[in-house]
C-alpha cells in the first residue's frame, strides 16, 4: 500500500482501542485483545498465560494457540474456539480481523484490525530474531501500530542467540538451565541441538509435553530426552537440563552444575554462574525496524515503557502510551 493511497491521520479513531480493567477493548467490535480476565469475546495473539487467560466464552486464535491453551487449561480453556489460518479474514461487528505471524512462539500472531478503511495492527509479543521453532514474523502496512515496549530502551540491545548459546561449548559441566516452558524452552533445545552438538538436552516433564505439541505442528525443538535424575547426578557429562522458573528456583542448592537462566532481563542473570541473554521480544533496534516496515501514522504502546519512543519521535510521529494517562 503506497503512502498516497493511505487515508489521512485525522480519520483514525483515537479511542478505537481502550485499556480497561479487563484489558484492551475494541468498543466498536465489542471484543478484547488478550484480555486479563475472562470475557465473552477474546481475540488472542498467543498462548502465554499473560495473554491467554482461562475461561473465555469465545476464543478467536490460530490453531497452534488453541492447541496450547487447551493443553494447559483443559476443561477451563474456554467454551468455544474459533480457529483461523494466516490467510483468513473474519468479522466481529463490522471490524475485519486477520492474524499475521509474529515470530514470538509457535502460533503467535499480530492482530490486524480493519475498520472504515483504517488498519490498526496489534503486535502482541513479537521478535525479529531467527527462530526455527516458530513461524517467522511477517510485515504488513498499517495506519496505527499498537506495539509492545517491553525492551523499548535505546540502551537495550539483545545479543545474537547463537553467540549466547555457544557459551555452553566452553566447558563440559552439566548445566541447570532455567527457561519459560512455552516458547523459550523449545527455542533453547533447538539452539543446543544445532550449535552444541556434544551436549545432550534433558527437559522437565512440563516442557516435554509442549515439545511434542510443537512437533505435531511441524516445528522441531531438536534432540532432547525426558529428564533422568540418575543421569543428571553424574558430573561433567555435557548435559543440559532445561527447567521452568519455579523448579529452577527450588533447585538453588543443586551441586556440581552450572546455573543459568535464559532471558533478556538482566535481573534474571543475577546470582547465576553463566549469563545467557536470550530474549523472545524485540529490542530498541527491532522496534525501529518494525516502524520502518509498517509505516504507521501513529504508534500506541503497551506492555512496558513507551516514553523513550515518544521522546525519540517527538515532532515527527505521534506516539501514544495506552498504559499511561497521556
C-alpha atoms as a PDB file:
ATOM      1  CA  UNK A   1       0.000   0.000   0.000  1.00  0.00           C
ATOM      2  CA  UNK A   2       1.567   3.299  -1.099  1.00  0.00           C
ATOM      3  CA  UNK A   3       1.619   6.375   1.121  1.00  0.00           C
ATOM      4  CA  UNK A   4      -0.570   8.247  -1.375  1.00  0.00           C
ATOM      5  CA  UNK A   5      -3.354   5.674  -1.016  1.00  0.00           C
ATOM      6  CA  UNK A   6      -3.425   5.825   2.785  1.00  0.00           C
ATOM      7  CA  UNK A   7      -6.255   7.683   4.500  1.00  0.00           C
ATOM      8  CA  UNK A   8      -5.476  10.904   6.365  1.00  0.00           C
ATOM      9  CA  UNK A   9      -4.430  10.552  10.008  1.00  0.00           C
ATOM     10  CA  UNK A  10      -7.472  12.510  11.188  1.00  0.00           C
ATOM     11  CA  UNK A  11      -9.593   9.528  10.102  1.00  0.00           C
ATOM     12  CA  UNK A  12      -8.035   7.377  12.842  1.00  0.00           C
ATOM     13  CA  UNK A  13     -10.467   6.724  15.688  1.00  0.00           C
ATOM     14  CA  UNK A  14      -8.451   7.721  18.743  1.00  0.00           C
ATOM     15  CA  UNK A  15     -10.461   5.528  21.134  1.00  0.00           C
ATOM     16  CA  UNK A  16     -10.806   2.582  18.765  1.00  0.00           C
ATOM     17  CA  UNK A  17      -8.958   0.581  21.420  1.00  0.00           C
ATOM     18  CA  UNK A  18      -9.126   1.497  25.084  1.00  0.00           C
ATOM     19  CA  UNK A  19      -7.415  -0.028  28.102  1.00  0.00           C
ATOM     20  CA  UNK A  20      -9.904  -1.268  30.718  1.00  0.00           C
ATOM     21  CA  UNK A  21      -9.710  -3.392  33.855  1.00  0.00           C
ATOM     22  CA  UNK A  22     -10.314  -6.435  31.629  1.00  0.00           C
ATOM     23  CA  UNK A  23      -7.636  -5.405  29.151  1.00  0.00           C
ATOM     24  CA  UNK A  24      -7.522  -3.870  25.674  1.00  0.00           C
ATOM     25  CA  UNK A  25     -11.089  -3.374  24.435  1.00  0.00           C
ATOM     26  CA  UNK A  26     -12.446  -2.606  20.980  1.00  0.00           C
ATOM     27  CA  UNK A  27     -15.774  -0.922  21.749  1.00  0.00           C
ATOM     28  CA  UNK A  28     -16.936  -0.927  18.115  1.00  0.00           C
ATOM     29  CA  UNK A  29     -16.321  -4.645  17.660  1.00  0.00           C
ATOM     30  CA  UNK A  30     -17.228  -5.493  21.279  1.00  0.00           C
ATOM     31  CA  UNK A  31     -14.210  -7.745  21.803  1.00  0.00           C
ATOM     32  CA  UNK A  32     -10.975  -7.757  23.767  1.00  0.00           C
ATOM     33  CA  UNK A  33      -7.417  -8.332  22.612  1.00  0.00           C
ATOM     34  CA  UNK A  34      -5.581 -10.651  25.039  1.00  0.00           C
ATOM     35  CA  UNK A  35      -7.927  -9.875  27.965  1.00  0.00           C
ATOM     36  CA  UNK A  36      -6.619 -10.049  31.523  1.00  0.00           C
ATOM     37  CA  UNK A  37      -9.830 -11.662  32.777  1.00  0.00           C
ATOM     38  CA  UNK A  38     -12.346 -13.977  31.143  1.00  0.00           C
ATOM     39  CA  UNK A  39     -14.693 -12.198  28.703  1.00  0.00           C
ATOM     40  CA  UNK A  40     -17.324 -13.121  26.130  1.00  0.00           C
ATOM     41  CA  UNK A  41     -15.199 -12.395  23.035  1.00  0.00           C
ATOM     42  CA  UNK A  42     -11.408 -12.786  23.323  1.00  0.00           C
ATOM     43  CA  UNK A  43      -9.139 -12.371  20.309  1.00  0.00           C
ATOM     44  CA  UNK A  44      -5.875 -13.985  21.395  1.00  0.00           C
ATOM     45  CA  UNK A  45      -2.425 -13.202  19.980  1.00  0.00           C
ATOM     46  CA  UNK A  46      -0.627 -16.172  21.547  1.00  0.00           C
ATOM     47  CA  UNK A  47      -0.843 -18.771  24.285  1.00  0.00           C
ATOM     48  CA  UNK A  48       1.384 -17.349  27.045  1.00  0.00           C
ATOM     49  CA  UNK A  49      -0.570 -17.074  30.272  1.00  0.00           C
ATOM     50  CA  UNK A  50      -0.346 -13.273  30.478  1.00  0.00           C
ATOM     51  CA  UNK A  51      -2.072 -13.042  27.085  1.00  0.00           C
ATOM     52  CA  UNK A  52      -4.380 -16.068  27.121  1.00  0.00           C
ATOM     53  CA  UNK A  53      -6.330 -16.479  30.352  1.00  0.00           C
ATOM     54  CA  UNK A  54      -8.640 -19.398  31.012  1.00  0.00           C
ATOM     55  CA  UNK A  55     -12.430 -19.258  30.903  1.00  0.00           C
ATOM     56  CA  UNK A  56     -13.205 -17.001  27.925  1.00  0.00           C
ATOM     57  CA  UNK A  57     -16.524 -17.796  26.243  1.00  0.00           C
ATOM     58  CA  UNK A  58     -15.485 -17.301  22.606  1.00  0.00           C
ATOM     59  CA  UNK A  59     -11.782 -17.582  21.797  1.00  0.00           C
ATOM     60  CA  UNK A  60     -10.525 -16.409  18.390  1.00  0.00           C
ATOM     61  CA  UNK A  61      -6.966 -17.546  17.646  1.00  0.00           C
ATOM     62  CA  UNK A  62      -4.664 -19.659  15.484  1.00  0.00           C
ATOM     63  CA  UNK A  63      -4.775 -23.450  15.547  1.00  0.00           C
ATOM     64  CA  UNK A  64      -1.474 -23.754  17.431  1.00  0.00           C
ATOM     65  CA  UNK A  65      -2.540 -21.235  20.060  1.00  0.00           C
ATOM     66  CA  UNK A  66      -5.809 -23.116  20.551  1.00  0.00           C
ATOM     67  CA  UNK A  67      -3.977 -26.420  20.985  1.00  0.00           C
ATOM     68  CA  UNK A  68      -1.595 -24.956  23.557  1.00  0.00           C
ATOM     69  CA  UNK A  69      -4.351 -23.199  25.521  1.00  0.00           C
ATOM     70  CA  UNK A  70      -6.409 -26.399  25.606  1.00  0.00           C
ATOM     71  CA  UNK A  71      -3.345 -28.410  26.596  1.00  0.00           C
ATOM     72  CA  UNK A  72      -2.599 -26.090  29.521  1.00  0.00           C
ATOM     73  CA  UNK A  73      -6.101 -25.306  30.795  1.00  0.00           C
ATOM     74  CA  UNK A  74      -8.053 -28.432  29.825  1.00  0.00           C
ATOM     75  CA  UNK A  75     -11.780 -28.007  30.576  1.00  0.00           C
ATOM     76  CA  UNK A  76     -11.244 -24.410  31.696  1.00  0.00           C
ATOM     77  CA  UNK A  77      -9.593 -23.397  28.423  1.00  0.00           C
ATOM     78  CA  UNK A  78     -12.697 -21.696  27.031  1.00  0.00           C
ATOM     79  CA  UNK A  79     -16.171 -22.581  25.801  1.00  0.00           C
ATOM     80  CA  UNK A  80     -15.900 -22.033  22.042  1.00  0.00           C
ATOM     81  CA  UNK A  81     -12.696 -21.943  19.998  1.00  0.00           C
ATOM     82  CA  UNK A  82     -12.922 -20.231  16.636  1.00  0.00           C
ATOM     83  CA  UNK A  83      -9.721 -21.080  14.771  1.00  0.00           C
ATOM     84  CA  UNK A  84      -8.348 -19.136  11.817  1.00  0.00           C
ATOM     85  CA  UNK A  85      -5.402 -19.656   9.494  1.00  0.00           C
ATOM     86  CA  UNK A  86      -2.991 -16.942   8.414  1.00  0.00           C
ATOM     87  CA  UNK A  87      -4.952 -16.241   5.233  1.00  0.00           C
ATOM     88  CA  UNK A  88      -8.378 -15.935   6.878  1.00  0.00           C
ATOM     89  CA  UNK A  89     -10.314 -12.713   7.471  1.00  0.00           C
ATOM     90  CA  UNK A  90     -13.244 -12.748   9.868  1.00  0.00           C
ATOM     91  CA  UNK A  91     -15.674 -10.091  11.043  1.00  0.00           C
ATOM     92  CA  UNK A  92     -16.772  -9.046  14.522  1.00  0.00           C
ATOM     93  CA  UNK A  93     -19.488  -6.393  14.430  1.00  0.00           C
ATOM     94  CA  UNK A  94     -18.069  -4.718  11.352  1.00  0.00           C
ATOM     95  CA  UNK A  95     -14.399  -4.950  12.314  1.00  0.00           C
ATOM     96  CA  UNK A  96     -12.394  -7.151   9.936  1.00  0.00           C
ATOM     97  CA  UNK A  97      -9.743  -9.210  11.720  1.00  0.00           C
ATOM     98  CA  UNK A  98      -6.822 -11.283  10.475  1.00  0.00           C
ATOM     99  CA  UNK A  99      -3.790 -12.949  12.012  1.00  0.00           C
ATOM    100  CA  UNK A 100      -0.225 -12.196  10.859  1.00  0.00           C
ATOM    101  CA  UNK A 101       2.773 -14.294  12.096  1.00  0.00           C
ATOM    102  CA  UNK A 102       4.549 -12.550  14.992  1.00  0.00           C
ATOM    103  CA  UNK A 103       7.648 -14.745  15.389  1.00  0.00           C
ATOM    104  CA  UNK A 104       7.338 -14.857  19.189  1.00  0.00           C
ATOM    105  CA  UNK A 105       6.385 -18.500  19.841  1.00  0.00           C
ATOM    106  CA  UNK A 106       4.505 -21.229  17.965  1.00  0.00           C
ATOM    107  CA  UNK A 107       1.222 -19.852  16.640  1.00  0.00           C
ATOM    108  CA  UNK A 108       1.864 -16.307  17.856  1.00  0.00           C
ATOM    109  CA  UNK A 109       0.081 -13.658  15.834  1.00  0.00           C
ATOM    110  CA  UNK A 110      -0.074  -9.974  15.248  1.00  0.00           C
ATOM    111  CA  UNK A 111      -3.726  -8.989  15.016  1.00  0.00           C
ATOM    112  CA  UNK A 112      -4.714  -6.740  12.123  1.00  0.00           C
ATOM    113  CA  UNK A 113      -7.966  -4.847  12.645  1.00  0.00           C
ATOM    114  CA  UNK A 114      -9.593  -3.004   9.731  1.00  0.00           C
ATOM    115  CA  UNK A 115     -12.471  -0.560  10.171  1.00  0.00           C
ATOM    116  CA  UNK A 116     -13.704   2.177   7.808  1.00  0.00           C
ATOM    117  CA  UNK A 117     -10.556   1.822   5.720  1.00  0.00           C
ATOM    118  CA  UNK A 118      -8.139   2.281   8.646  1.00  0.00           C
ATOM    119  CA  UNK A 119      -5.747  -0.509   9.623  1.00  0.00           C
ATOM    120  CA  UNK A 120      -4.819  -0.993  13.287  1.00  0.00           C
ATOM    121  CA  UNK A 121      -2.035  -3.539  13.875  1.00  0.00           C
ATOM    122  CA  UNK A 122      -1.700  -5.004  17.372  1.00  0.00           C
ATOM    123  CA  UNK A 123       1.632  -6.792  17.686  1.00  0.00           C
ATOM    124  CA  UNK A 124       1.102  -8.851  20.822  1.00  0.00           C
ATOM    125  CA  UNK A 125       4.597 -10.073  21.737  1.00  0.00           C
ATOM    126  CA  UNK A 126       6.908 -10.400  18.746  1.00  0.00           C
ATOM    127  CA  UNK A 127      10.529 -10.882  17.757  1.00  0.00           C
ATOM    128  CA  UNK A 128      12.632 -10.368  14.667  1.00  0.00           C
ATOM    129  CA  UNK A 129      15.479 -12.764  15.521  1.00  0.00           C
ATOM    130  CA  UNK A 130      15.623 -16.068  13.660  1.00  0.00           C
ATOM    131  CA  UNK A 131      13.884 -18.979  15.381  1.00  0.00           C
ATOM    132  CA  UNK A 132      13.201 -22.255  13.551  1.00  0.00           C
ATOM    133  CA  UNK A 133      10.759 -23.376  16.277  1.00  0.00           C
ATOM    134  CA  UNK A 134       8.020 -20.959  15.213  1.00  0.00           C
ATOM    135  CA  UNK A 135       6.634 -19.065  12.246  1.00  0.00           C
ATOM    136  CA  UNK A 136       8.831 -16.171  11.074  1.00  0.00           C
ATOM    137  CA  UNK A 137       7.404 -12.692  11.578  1.00  0.00           C
ATOM    138  CA  UNK A 138       5.711 -11.082   8.583  1.00  0.00           C
ATOM    139  CA  UNK A 139       5.394  -7.341   8.000  1.00  0.00           C
ATOM    140  CA  UNK A 140       2.250  -5.548   6.865  1.00  0.00           C
ATOM    141  CA  UNK A 141       1.413  -1.877   6.452  1.00  0.00           C
ATOM    142  CA  UNK A 142      -0.908  -0.196   8.947  1.00  0.00           C
ATOM    143  CA  UNK A 143      -2.113   3.263   9.897  1.00  0.00           C
ATOM    144  CA  UNK A 144      -1.746   2.574  13.632  1.00  0.00           C
ATOM    145  CA  UNK A 145       0.832   0.272  15.207  1.00  0.00           C
ATOM    146  CA  UNK A 146      -0.050  -0.933  18.706  1.00  0.00           C
ATOM    147  CA  UNK A 147       3.285  -2.326  19.871  1.00  0.00           C
ATOM    148  CA  UNK A 148       4.644  -3.954  22.985  1.00  0.00           C
ATOM    149  CA  UNK A 149       7.506  -1.956  24.511  1.00  0.00           C
ATOM    150  CA  UNK A 150       8.972  -4.492  26.928  1.00  0.00           C
ATOM    151  CA  UNK A 151      12.541  -3.535  25.952  1.00  0.00           C
ATOM    152  CA  UNK A 152      11.898  -0.192  24.209  1.00  0.00           C
ATOM    153  CA  UNK A 153      15.041   1.469  25.543  1.00  0.00           C
ATOM    154  CA  UNK A 154      17.892   2.658  23.263  1.00  0.00           C
ATOM    155  CA  UNK A 155      20.387   1.166  25.718  1.00  0.00           C
ATOM    156  CA  UNK A 156      18.958  -2.345  25.285  1.00  0.00           C
ATOM    157  CA  UNK A 157      20.487  -4.474  22.545  1.00  0.00           C
ATOM    158  CA  UNK A 158      19.746  -8.195  22.533  1.00  0.00           C
ATOM    159  CA  UNK A 159      22.817 -10.212  21.558  1.00  0.00           C
ATOM    160  CA  UNK A 160      22.609 -12.875  18.894  1.00  0.00           C
ATOM    161  CA  UNK A 161      21.093 -16.044  20.351  1.00  0.00           C
ATOM    162  CA  UNK A 162      23.663 -18.297  18.679  1.00  0.00           C
ATOM    163  CA  UNK A 163      26.527 -16.269  20.156  1.00  0.00           C
ATOM    164  CA  UNK A 164      24.944 -16.747  23.573  1.00  0.00           C
ATOM    165  CA  UNK A 165      24.233 -20.473  23.328  1.00  0.00           C
ATOM    166  CA  UNK A 166      27.742 -21.380  22.128  1.00  0.00           C
ATOM    167  CA  UNK A 167      28.979 -20.256  25.540  1.00  0.00           C
ATOM    168  CA  UNK A 168      27.987 -23.797  26.551  1.00  0.00           C
ATOM    169  CA  UNK A 169      30.775 -25.153  24.339  1.00  0.00           C
ATOM    170  CA  UNK A 170      33.470 -23.716  26.609  1.00  0.00           C
ATOM    171  CA  UNK A 171      33.121 -26.413  29.298  1.00  0.00           C
ATOM    172  CA  UNK A 172      31.663 -29.866  29.892  1.00  0.00           C
ATOM    173  CA  UNK A 173      29.994 -29.289  33.275  1.00  0.00           C
ATOM    174  CA  UNK A 174      26.310 -30.151  33.449  1.00  0.00           C
ATOM    175  CA  UNK A 175      24.057 -27.113  33.152  1.00  0.00           C
ATOM    176  CA  UNK A 176      20.864 -26.370  35.054  1.00  0.00           C
ATOM    177  CA  UNK A 177      19.094 -24.054  32.599  1.00  0.00           C
ATOM    178  CA  UNK A 178      16.031 -22.117  33.671  1.00  0.00           C
ATOM    179  CA  UNK A 179      13.584 -21.069  30.949  1.00  0.00           C
ATOM    180  CA  UNK A 180       9.905 -20.449  30.396  1.00  0.00           C
ATOM    181  CA  UNK A 181       8.281 -23.737  29.424  1.00  0.00           C
ATOM    182  CA  UNK A 182       6.474 -22.408  26.391  1.00  0.00           C
ATOM    183  CA  UNK A 183       8.480 -20.928  23.542  1.00  0.00           C
ATOM    184  CA  UNK A 184      11.808 -20.259  25.218  1.00  0.00           C
ATOM    185  CA  UNK A 185      12.422 -23.893  26.212  1.00  0.00           C
ATOM    186  CA  UNK A 186      11.760 -25.153  22.679  1.00  0.00           C
ATOM    187  CA  UNK A 187      13.988 -22.478  21.171  1.00  0.00           C
ATOM    188  CA  UNK A 188      16.814 -23.315  23.589  1.00  0.00           C
ATOM    189  CA  UNK A 189      16.505 -27.032  22.933  1.00  0.00           C
ATOM    190  CA  UNK A 190      16.831 -26.396  19.186  1.00  0.00           C
ATOM    191  CA  UNK A 191      19.737 -23.956  19.658  1.00  0.00           C
ATOM    192  CA  UNK A 192      21.620 -26.504  21.751  1.00  0.00           C
ATOM    193  CA  UNK A 193      20.908 -29.286  19.272  1.00  0.00           C
ATOM    194  CA  UNK A 194      22.106 -27.152  16.346  1.00  0.00           C
ATOM    195  CA  UNK A 195      25.106 -25.388  17.899  1.00  0.00           C
ATOM    196  CA  UNK A 196      26.275 -27.508  20.851  1.00  0.00           C
ATOM    197  CA  UNK A 197      26.357 -30.991  19.277  1.00  0.00           C
ATOM    198  CA  UNK A 198      28.448 -32.505  22.053  1.00  0.00           C
ATOM    199  CA  UNK A 199      25.731 -31.742  24.611  1.00  0.00           C
ATOM    200  CA  UNK A 200      22.629 -33.762  25.436  1.00  0.00           C
ATOM    201  CA  UNK A 201      19.452 -31.930  26.369  1.00  0.00           C
ATOM    202  CA  UNK A 202      17.163 -33.180  29.127  1.00  0.00           C
ATOM    203  CA  UNK A 203      13.831 -31.455  29.661  1.00  0.00           C
ATOM    204  CA  UNK A 204      11.366 -31.152  32.522  1.00  0.00           C
ATOM    205  CA  UNK A 205       8.137 -33.147  32.063  1.00  0.00           C
ATOM    206  CA  UNK A 206       6.083 -29.959  31.545  1.00  0.00           C
ATOM    207  CA  UNK A 207       8.422 -28.953  28.712  1.00  0.00           C
ATOM    208  CA  UNK A 208       8.489 -32.456  27.219  1.00  0.00           C
ATOM    209  CA  UNK A 209       4.737 -32.406  26.513  1.00  0.00           C
ATOM    210  CA  UNK A 210       4.971 -28.962  24.902  1.00  0.00           C
ATOM    211  CA  UNK A 211       7.877 -30.156  22.752  1.00  0.00           C
ATOM    212  CA  UNK A 212       5.655 -32.951  21.463  1.00  0.00           C
ATOM    213  CA  UNK A 213       2.930 -30.426  20.687  1.00  0.00           C
ATOM    214  CA  UNK A 214       5.429 -28.304  18.747  1.00  0.00           C
ATOM    215  CA  UNK A 215       6.424 -31.370  16.734  1.00  0.00           C
ATOM    216  CA  UNK A 216       2.782 -32.077  15.907  1.00  0.00           C
ATOM    217  CA  UNK A 217       2.710 -28.677  14.151  1.00  0.00           C
ATOM    218  CA  UNK A 218       5.896 -29.412  12.214  1.00  0.00           C
ATOM    219  CA  UNK A 219       8.358 -27.373  14.313  1.00  0.00           C
ATOM    220  CA  UNK A 220      11.233 -29.387  15.764  1.00  0.00           C
ATOM    221  CA  UNK A 221      12.846 -28.495  19.118  1.00  0.00           C
ATOM    222  CA  UNK A 222      15.846 -30.565  18.070  1.00  0.00           C
ATOM    223  CA  UNK A 223      17.173 -33.550  20.018  1.00  0.00           C
ATOM    224  CA  UNK A 224      16.064 -33.946  23.629  1.00  0.00           C
ATOM    225  CA  UNK A 225      15.178 -36.521  26.270  1.00  0.00           C
ATOM    226  CA  UNK A 226      12.889 -36.538  29.275  1.00  0.00           C
ATOM    227  CA  UNK A 227      14.778 -35.710  32.479  1.00  0.00           C
ATOM    228  CA  UNK A 228      16.551 -38.626  34.132  1.00  0.00           C
ATOM    229  CA  UNK A 229      17.625 -37.927  37.702  1.00  0.00           C
ATOM    230  CA  UNK A 230      20.358 -40.581  37.629  1.00  0.00           C
ATOM    231  CA  UNK A 231      21.903 -39.052  34.507  1.00  0.00           C
ATOM    232  CA  UNK A 232      21.940 -35.565  35.946  1.00  0.00           C
ATOM    233  CA  UNK A 233      23.725 -36.701  39.111  1.00  0.00           C
ATOM    234  CA  UNK A 234      26.763 -37.748  37.089  1.00  0.00           C
ATOM    235  CA  UNK A 235      29.082 -34.705  36.842  1.00  0.00           C
ATOM    236  CA  UNK A 236      30.773 -33.378  33.709  1.00  0.00           C
ATOM    237  CA  UNK A 237      28.628 -35.256  31.207  1.00  0.00           C
ATOM    238  CA  UNK A 238      27.843 -32.295  28.910  1.00  0.00           C
ATOM    239  CA  UNK A 239      24.190 -32.434  29.945  1.00  0.00           C
ATOM    240  CA  UNK A 240      21.792 -29.508  29.896  1.00  0.00           C
ATOM    241  CA  UNK A 241      18.637 -29.824  31.962  1.00  0.00           C
ATOM    242  CA  UNK A 242      16.009 -27.259  30.893  1.00  0.00           C
ATOM    243  CA  UNK A 243      13.548 -26.500  33.665  1.00  0.00           C
ATOM    244  CA  UNK A 244      10.746 -23.960  34.292  1.00  0.00           C
ATOM    245  CA  UNK A 245      11.320 -20.974  36.627  1.00  0.00           C
ATOM    246  CA  UNK A 246       9.690 -22.415  39.754  1.00  0.00           C
ATOM    247  CA  UNK A 247      11.749 -25.592  39.526  1.00  0.00           C
ATOM    248  CA  UNK A 248      14.895 -23.561  38.823  1.00  0.00           C
ATOM    249  CA  UNK A 249      14.318 -21.507  41.953  1.00  0.00           C
ATOM    250  CA  UNK A 250      13.672 -24.607  44.047  1.00  0.00           C
ATOM    251  CA  UNK A 251      16.997 -26.128  42.919  1.00  0.00           C
ATOM    252  CA  UNK A 252      19.024 -23.306  44.437  1.00  0.00           C
ATOM    253  CA  UNK A 253      21.269 -25.767  46.278  1.00  0.00           C
ATOM    254  CA  UNK A 254      21.914 -28.096  43.358  1.00  0.00           C
ATOM    255  CA  UNK A 255      25.543 -29.241  43.327  1.00  0.00           C
ATOM    256  CA  UNK A 256      28.015 -29.942  40.532  1.00  0.00           C
ATOM    257  CA  UNK A 257      26.069 -27.924  37.965  1.00  0.00           C
ATOM    258  CA  UNK A 258      26.428 -24.567  36.240  1.00  0.00           C
ATOM    259  CA  UNK A 259      23.323 -22.469  36.861  1.00  0.00           C
ATOM    260  CA  UNK A 260      21.957 -20.239  34.104  1.00  0.00           C
ATOM    261  CA  UNK A 261      18.630 -18.618  33.241  1.00  0.00           C
ATOM    262  CA  UNK A 262      17.895 -17.697  29.629  1.00  0.00           C
ATOM    263  CA  UNK A 263      16.210 -14.306  29.477  1.00  0.00           C
ATOM    264  CA  UNK A 264      16.561 -10.801  28.102  1.00  0.00           C
ATOM    265  CA  UNK A 265      16.153  -9.419  31.615  1.00  0.00           C
ATOM    266  CA  UNK A 266      19.464  -8.610  33.291  1.00  0.00           C
ATOM    267  CA  UNK A 267      17.839  -9.008  36.716  1.00  0.00           C
ATOM    268  CA  UNK A 268      17.304 -12.706  35.985  1.00  0.00           C
ATOM    269  CA  UNK A 269      21.021 -13.138  35.293  1.00  0.00           C
ATOM    270  CA  UNK A 270      21.930 -12.219  38.866  1.00  0.00           C
ATOM    271  CA  UNK A 271      23.458 -14.852  41.159  1.00  0.00           C
ATOM    272  CA  UNK A 272      23.896 -17.360  38.317  1.00  0.00           C
ATOM    273  CA  UNK A 273      27.134 -18.965  37.154  1.00  0.00           C
ATOM    274  CA  UNK A 274      26.591 -18.110  33.489  1.00  0.00           C
ATOM    275  CA  UNK A 275      24.825 -15.253  31.726  1.00  0.00           C
ATOM    276  CA  UNK A 276      22.541 -16.211  28.829  1.00  0.00           C
ATOM    277  CA  UNK A 277      20.846 -13.133  27.406  1.00  0.00           C
ATOM    278  CA  UNK A 278      18.371 -14.765  25.044  1.00  0.00           C
ATOM    279  CA  UNK A 279      15.124 -12.875  24.561  1.00  0.00           C
ATOM    280  CA  UNK A 280      11.955 -13.643  22.623  1.00  0.00           C
ATOM    281  CA  UNK A 281      10.989  -9.963  22.491  1.00  0.00           C
ATOM    282  CA  UNK A 282      12.067  -7.065  20.290  1.00  0.00           C
ATOM    283  CA  UNK A 283      14.765  -4.666  21.466  1.00  0.00           C
ATOM    284  CA  UNK A 284      15.029  -0.974  20.559  1.00  0.00           C
ATOM    285  CA  UNK A 285      16.569  -1.546  17.113  1.00  0.00           C
ATOM    286  CA  UNK A 286      13.934  -4.163  16.302  1.00  0.00           C
ATOM    287  CA  UNK A 287      11.106  -1.760  17.146  1.00  0.00           C
ATOM    288  CA  UNK A 288      12.665   0.890  14.909  1.00  0.00           C
ATOM    289  CA  UNK A 289      12.864  -1.724  12.128  1.00  0.00           C
ATOM    290  CA  UNK A 290       9.221  -2.626  12.741  1.00  0.00           C
ATOM    291  CA  UNK A 291       8.209   1.014  12.380  1.00  0.00           C
ATOM    292  CA  UNK A 292      10.074   1.296   9.081  1.00  0.00           C
ATOM    293  CA  UNK A 293       8.316  -1.797   7.750  1.00  0.00           C
ATOM    294  CA  UNK A 294       4.804  -0.955   8.961  1.00  0.00           C
ATOM    295  CA  UNK A 295       4.974   2.789   8.166  1.00  0.00           C
ATOM    296  CA  UNK A 296       2.307   3.764  10.722  1.00  0.00           C
ATOM    297  CA  UNK A 297       0.825   7.237  11.069  1.00  0.00           C
ATOM    298  CA  UNK A 298       0.507   6.706  14.823  1.00  0.00           C
ATOM    299  CA  UNK A 299       2.122   4.394  17.373  1.00  0.00           C
ATOM    300  CA  UNK A 300       0.291   3.256  20.508  1.00  0.00           C
ATOM    301  CA  UNK A 301       2.383   1.482  23.140  1.00  0.00           C
ATOM    302  CA  UNK A 302       1.638  -1.302  25.639  1.00  0.00           C
ATOM    303  CA  UNK A 303       3.399  -3.767  27.957  1.00  0.00           C
ATOM    304  CA  UNK A 304       6.346  -1.672  29.008  1.00  0.00           C
ATOM    305  CA  UNK A 305       7.582   1.882  28.865  1.00  0.00           C
ATOM    306  CA  UNK A 306       6.904   3.819  25.673  1.00  0.00           C
ATOM    307  CA  UNK A 307       8.470   7.026  26.973  1.00  0.00           C
ATOM    308  CA  UNK A 308      11.708   6.583  25.019  1.00  0.00           C
ATOM    309  CA  UNK A 309       9.784   6.072  21.779  1.00  0.00           C
ATOM    310  CA  UNK A 310       7.647   9.120  22.441  1.00  0.00           C
ATOM    311  CA  UNK A 311      10.712  11.278  23.017  1.00  0.00           C
ATOM    312  CA  UNK A 312      12.598   9.799  20.051  1.00  0.00           C
ATOM    313  CA  UNK A 313       9.793  10.631  17.603  1.00  0.00           C
ATOM    314  CA  UNK A 314       8.725  13.929  19.174  1.00  0.00           C
ATOM    315  CA  UNK A 315       7.560  16.267  16.431  1.00  0.00           C
ATOM    316  CA  UNK A 316       7.801  13.512  13.792  1.00  0.00           C
ATOM    317  CA  UNK A 317       5.319  10.811  14.724  1.00  0.00           C
ATOM    318  CA  UNK A 318       2.513  10.655  17.262  1.00  0.00           C
ATOM    319  CA  UNK A 319       3.321   8.100  19.977  1.00  0.00           C
ATOM    320  CA  UNK A 320       0.561   7.484  22.478  1.00  0.00           C
ATOM    321  CA  UNK A 321       1.113   5.496  25.688  1.00  0.00           C
ATOM    322  CA  UNK A 322      -2.055   3.453  26.205  1.00  0.00           C
ATOM    323  CA  UNK A 323      -0.906   2.215  29.617  1.00  0.00           C
ATOM    324  CA  UNK A 324      -0.336   5.775  30.872  1.00  0.00           C
ATOM    325  CA  UNK A 325      -2.532   8.831  31.013  1.00  0.00           C
ATOM    326  CA  UNK A 326      -1.272  10.957  28.110  1.00  0.00           C
END
